[in-house]
Amino acid sequence: MHLCPMEMGYGFEHQEISTGDCNCDYFNFLASHSPPEANGVWGQRGAQQSFIPHPWHLPDWQHLTNWTVDRSIKWLHGRDPSRPFFLTVGFNQPHTPNSPPRHYLDRYLRLPDLGRPVIGDWAIPPANDGIGVDLESRYVNLTGVNLHTCLAGYYAEINLLDDAIGRLLVYLQAAGLAQNTYVIFSSDHGEMLGDHYRYHKSVPYEGAAH
């Protein structure tokens, strides 16, 4: 939620937090369920903000998206049923570094065409046409295999998110809560994905803002 410091609570009676801080609940969960050489959420990746996706290196149930839904369902199951509830389920991904489970990534890598970036006639490509650009650069020229794998990783994360939200909605239905619960879905930003030679966010273009 980008509320800092998260530990202040901000009116919530219960929180489970995932941040870049290695002392957060999710990092502690990984540390207790995977060997040290797995290197937690980062795996063996070098560039954390890279446009090149990296398949999730641990069991699917340990992925942050699945952990978020699992913990949300557990909280719903154990809540006081005599009280109304307000539950915020904060998903981190799709977000760099894109690291979907292998079977989600393969689904999109197999597709022949995932689209092309929108390039305005006013947009200036990076120096050397982007060859040799830093993997964490915000200024890129994504073409060929770099474009295809970048889009595949991003779409795979969205597919995983769709399935995770589906699990949450199925639980609400099974628990008899669906007919008396408002579900509001929102996001904080998009991703440029090479539009106008840009990657990441923080620019006032449709890809980042919508």
Protein backbone atom coordinates (compact mmCIF):
# COMPACT_ATOMS: atom_id res chain seq x y z
CA MET A 1 0.00 0.00 0.00
CA HIS A 2 3.07 2.27 0.13
CA LEU A 3 2.20 3.40 3.67
CA CYS A 4 5.43 3.93 5.57
CA PRO A 5 6.21 2.66 8.05
CA MET A 6 3.71 -0.17 7.57
CA GLU A 7 4.16 -1.27 11.18
CA MET A 8 2.16 1.75 12.39
CA GLY A 9 -1.05 -0.10 11.60
CA TYR A 10 -3.07 2.77 10.05
CA GLY A 11 -6.29 1.61 11.67
CA PHE A 12 -6.05 -2.06 10.75
CA GLU A 13 -6.61 -4.55 13.58
CA HIS A 14 -4.39 -7.15 11.90
CA GLN A 15 -1.67 -6.91 9.28
CA GLU A 16 0.60 -9.28 7.40
CA ILE A 17 3.18 -7.38 5.44
CA SER A 18 5.28 -7.97 2.36
CA THR A 19 7.88 -5.31 1.62
CA GLY A 20 11.49 -5.16 0.49
CA ASP A 21 12.43 -5.47 4.14
CA CYS A 22 13.82 -8.93 4.90
CA ASN A 23 12.08 -8.82 8.29
CA CYS A 24 8.58 -8.66 6.81
CA ASP A 25 6.05 -11.50 7.21
CA TYR A 26 6.50 -12.84 3.69
CA PHE A 27 10.29 -12.94 3.84
CA ASN A 28 10.08 -14.70 7.19
CA PHE A 29 7.63 -17.20 5.65
CA LEU A 30 10.08 -17.94 2.83
CA ALA A 31 12.98 -18.26 5.25
CA SER A 32 11.09 -20.91 7.22
CA HIS A 33 10.04 -22.94 4.16
CA SER A 34 12.97 -22.85 1.77
CA PRO A 35 16.71 -23.54 2.05
CA PRO A 36 19.08 -20.58 2.46
CA GLU A 37 20.68 -21.19 -0.94
CA ALA A 38 17.32 -20.48 -2.59
CA ASN A 39 18.02 -16.80 -1.82
CA GLY A 40 14.43 -16.02 -0.86
CA VAL A 41 12.20 -14.12 -3.24
CA TRP A 42 15.10 -13.01 -5.43
CA GLY A 43 16.45 -16.41 -6.45
CA GLN A 44 19.68 -16.10 -8.42
CA ARG A 45 18.71 -12.98 -10.35
CA GLY A 46 21.22 -10.19 -10.70
CA ALA A 47 19.06 -7.25 -11.83
CA GLN A 48 15.92 -6.85 -9.69
CA GLN A 49 14.18 -4.39 -12.05
CA SER A 50 15.10 -6.17 -15.28
CA PHE A 51 12.78 -6.38 -18.29
CA ILE A 52 13.86 -10.03 -18.63
CA PRO A 53 11.52 -12.32 -16.62
CA HIS A 54 12.79 -15.08 -14.38
CA PRO A 55 10.70 -18.20 -13.69
CA TRP A 56 9.71 -18.58 -10.05
CA HIS A 57 12.34 -20.84 -8.48
CA LEU A 58 10.37 -22.18 -5.49
CA PRO A 59 7.14 -24.22 -5.21
CA ASP A 60 4.07 -22.39 -6.56
CA TRP A 61 2.44 -22.15 -3.13
CA GLN A 62 5.37 -20.05 -1.93
CA HIS A 63 4.91 -17.41 -4.65
CA LEU A 64 3.98 -14.00 -3.22
CA THR A 65 0.69 -13.84 -5.15
CA ASN A 66 -0.43 -17.24 -3.86
CA TRP A 67 0.80 -16.48 -0.32
CA THR A 68 -1.24 -13.27 -0.31
CA VAL A 69 -4.46 -15.11 -1.18
CA ASP A 70 -3.71 -18.01 1.17
CA ARG A 71 -3.23 -15.63 4.11
CA SER A 72 -6.35 -13.66 3.17
CA ILE A 73 -8.49 -16.81 3.08
CA LYS A 74 -7.02 -17.97 6.38
CA TRP A 75 -7.92 -14.63 7.97
CA LEU A 76 -11.46 -14.75 6.57
CA HIS A 77 -11.91 -18.28 7.86
CA GLY A 78 -10.82 -17.35 11.38
CA ARG A 79 -12.51 -13.95 11.70
CA ASP A 80 -15.33 -13.15 14.12
CA PRO A 81 -18.45 -13.89 12.00
CA SER A 82 -20.61 -11.63 14.17
CA ARG A 83 -18.74 -8.54 12.93
CA PRO A 84 -18.59 -7.00 9.45
CA PHE A 85 -15.12 -7.02 7.92
CA PHE A 86 -12.92 -4.80 5.80
CA LEU A 87 -10.10 -6.72 4.13
CA THR A 88 -7.41 -5.13 1.98
CA VAL A 89 -5.57 -7.68 -0.16
CA GLY A 90 -2.47 -5.97 -1.53
CA PHE A 91 -0.87 -7.75 -4.49
CA ASN A 92 2.67 -6.80 -5.45
CA GLN A 93 2.74 -8.40 -8.88
CA PRO A 94 2.62 -7.95 -11.83
CA HIS A 95 5.69 -5.91 -10.99
CA THR A 96 9.36 -6.17 -11.73
CA PRO A 97 11.08 -8.46 -11.27
CA ASN A 98 8.46 -10.53 -13.11
CA SER A 99 8.83 -14.06 -11.79
CA PRO A 100 5.75 -16.16 -12.60
CA PRO A 101 5.70 -19.92 -12.06
CA ARG A 102 7.20 -21.75 -15.03
CA HIS A 103 3.93 -23.14 -16.41
CA TYR A 104 2.40 -19.65 -16.54
CA LEU A 105 5.45 -18.22 -18.28
CA ASP A 106 5.61 -21.07 -20.81
CA ARG A 107 1.98 -20.48 -21.77
CA TYR A 108 2.84 -17.04 -23.12
CA LEU A 109 6.32 -17.82 -24.43
CA ARG A 110 4.66 -20.34 -26.78
CA LEU A 111 2.42 -17.72 -28.37
CA PRO A 112 3.84 -16.45 -31.69
CA ASP A 113 2.94 -12.77 -31.26
CA LEU A 114 2.23 -10.85 -28.05
CA GLY A 115 1.99 -7.42 -29.65
CA ARG A 116 4.28 -4.46 -30.20
CA PRO A 117 5.03 -1.33 -28.18
CA VAL A 118 3.30 1.91 -29.10
CA ILE A 119 5.98 4.28 -30.42
CA GLY A 120 5.08 7.92 -31.00
CA ASP A 121 6.65 9.56 -34.06
CA TRP A 122 8.14 12.08 -31.64
CA ALA A 123 9.80 9.45 -29.42
CA ILE A 124 13.61 9.25 -29.59
CA PRO A 125 15.21 5.79 -29.27
CA PRO A 126 17.99 5.22 -26.74
CA ALA A 127 21.61 5.54 -27.79
CA ASN A 128 22.95 2.70 -29.95
CA ASP A 129 19.31 1.69 -30.48
CA GLY A 130 19.27 0.26 -26.97
CA ILE A 131 21.99 -2.34 -27.58
CA GLY A 132 23.97 -2.89 -24.40
CA VAL A 133 21.49 -0.98 -22.24
CA ASP A 134 21.52 -1.72 -18.52
CA LEU A 135 18.99 -4.41 -17.65
CA GLU A 136 17.36 -2.05 -15.14
CA SER A 137 17.17 0.91 -17.51
CA ARG A 138 13.96 2.92 -17.88
CA TYR A 139 14.92 3.82 -21.46
CA VAL A 140 14.86 0.83 -23.81
CA ASN A 141 14.15 -0.37 -27.32
CA LEU A 142 12.45 -3.72 -26.81
CA THR A 143 12.40 -5.85 -29.96
CA GLY A 144 12.71 -9.51 -30.88
CA VAL A 145 13.30 -11.98 -28.07
CA ASN A 146 13.70 -9.25 -25.45
CA LEU A 147 10.24 -7.90 -26.25
CA HIS A 148 8.62 -11.32 -26.45
CA THR A 149 10.00 -12.56 -23.12
CA CYS A 150 9.25 -9.25 -21.39
CA LEU A 151 5.60 -9.35 -22.44
CA ALA A 152 5.33 -13.07 -21.67
CA GLY A 153 6.55 -12.49 -18.11
CA TYR A 154 4.16 -9.60 -17.54
CA TYR A 155 1.13 -11.37 -18.98
CA ALA A 156 1.96 -14.53 -17.04
CA GLU A 157 1.94 -12.52 -13.80
CA ILE A 158 -1.48 -11.11 -14.72
CA ASN A 159 -2.75 -14.63 -15.46
CA LEU A 160 -1.52 -15.80 -12.05
CA LEU A 161 -3.19 -12.80 -10.40
CA ASP A 162 -6.49 -13.57 -12.16
CA ASP A 163 -6.39 -17.14 -10.89
CA ALA A 164 -5.51 -16.00 -7.36
CA ILE A 165 -8.39 -13.53 -7.23
CA GLY A 166 -10.61 -16.30 -8.57
CA ARG A 167 -9.66 -18.47 -5.59
CA LEU A 168 -10.59 -15.65 -3.23
CA LEU A 169 -13.97 -15.11 -4.91
CA VAL A 170 -14.69 -18.86 -4.84
CA TYR A 171 -13.99 -18.87 -1.10
CA LEU A 172 -16.35 -15.93 -0.53
CA GLN A 173 -19.05 -17.83 -2.41
CA ALA A 174 -18.46 -21.09 -0.54
CA ALA A 175 -18.46 -19.29 2.83
CA GLY A 176 -21.78 -17.60 2.08
CA LEU A 177 -20.17 -14.13 2.04
CA ALA A 178 -20.35 -13.25 -1.65
CA GLN A 179 -23.89 -11.88 -1.66
CA ASN A 180 -23.16 -9.52 1.22
CA THR A 181 -19.66 -8.33 0.30
CA TYR A 182 -18.48 -5.50 -1.91
CA VAL A 183 -15.35 -6.42 -3.89
CA ILE A 184 -13.46 -3.39 -5.18
CA PHE A 185 -10.48 -3.92 -7.48
CA SER A 186 -7.98 -1.15 -8.20
CA SER A 187 -4.33 -0.70 -9.13
CA ASP A 188 -1.73 1.96 -8.46
CA HIS A 189 -0.06 2.07 -11.89
CA GLY A 190 0.56 0.22 -15.13
CA GLU A 191 3.76 -0.63 -16.97
CA MET A 192 5.21 1.00 -20.08
CA LEU A 193 6.51 -2.31 -21.56
CA GLY A 194 8.55 -0.50 -24.20
CA ASP A 195 5.93 2.09 -25.24
CA HIS A 196 7.72 5.23 -26.47
CA TYR A 197 11.04 3.50 -25.59
CA ARG A 198 10.13 3.51 -21.90
CA TYR A 199 10.08 0.82 -19.25
CA HIS A 200 8.70 0.86 -15.67
CA LYS A 201 6.33 3.66 -14.58
CA SER A 202 6.59 7.29 -13.34
CA VAL A 203 5.81 8.89 -16.71
CA PRO A 204 2.46 10.51 -17.67
CA TYR A 205 1.65 8.11 -20.52
CA GLU A 206 -1.27 5.73 -20.91
CA GLY A 207 0.80 2.60 -20.31
CA ALA A 208 1.94 3.79 -16.87
CA ALA A 209 -1.18 5.67 -15.79
CA HIS A 210 -3.87 3.21 -16.97
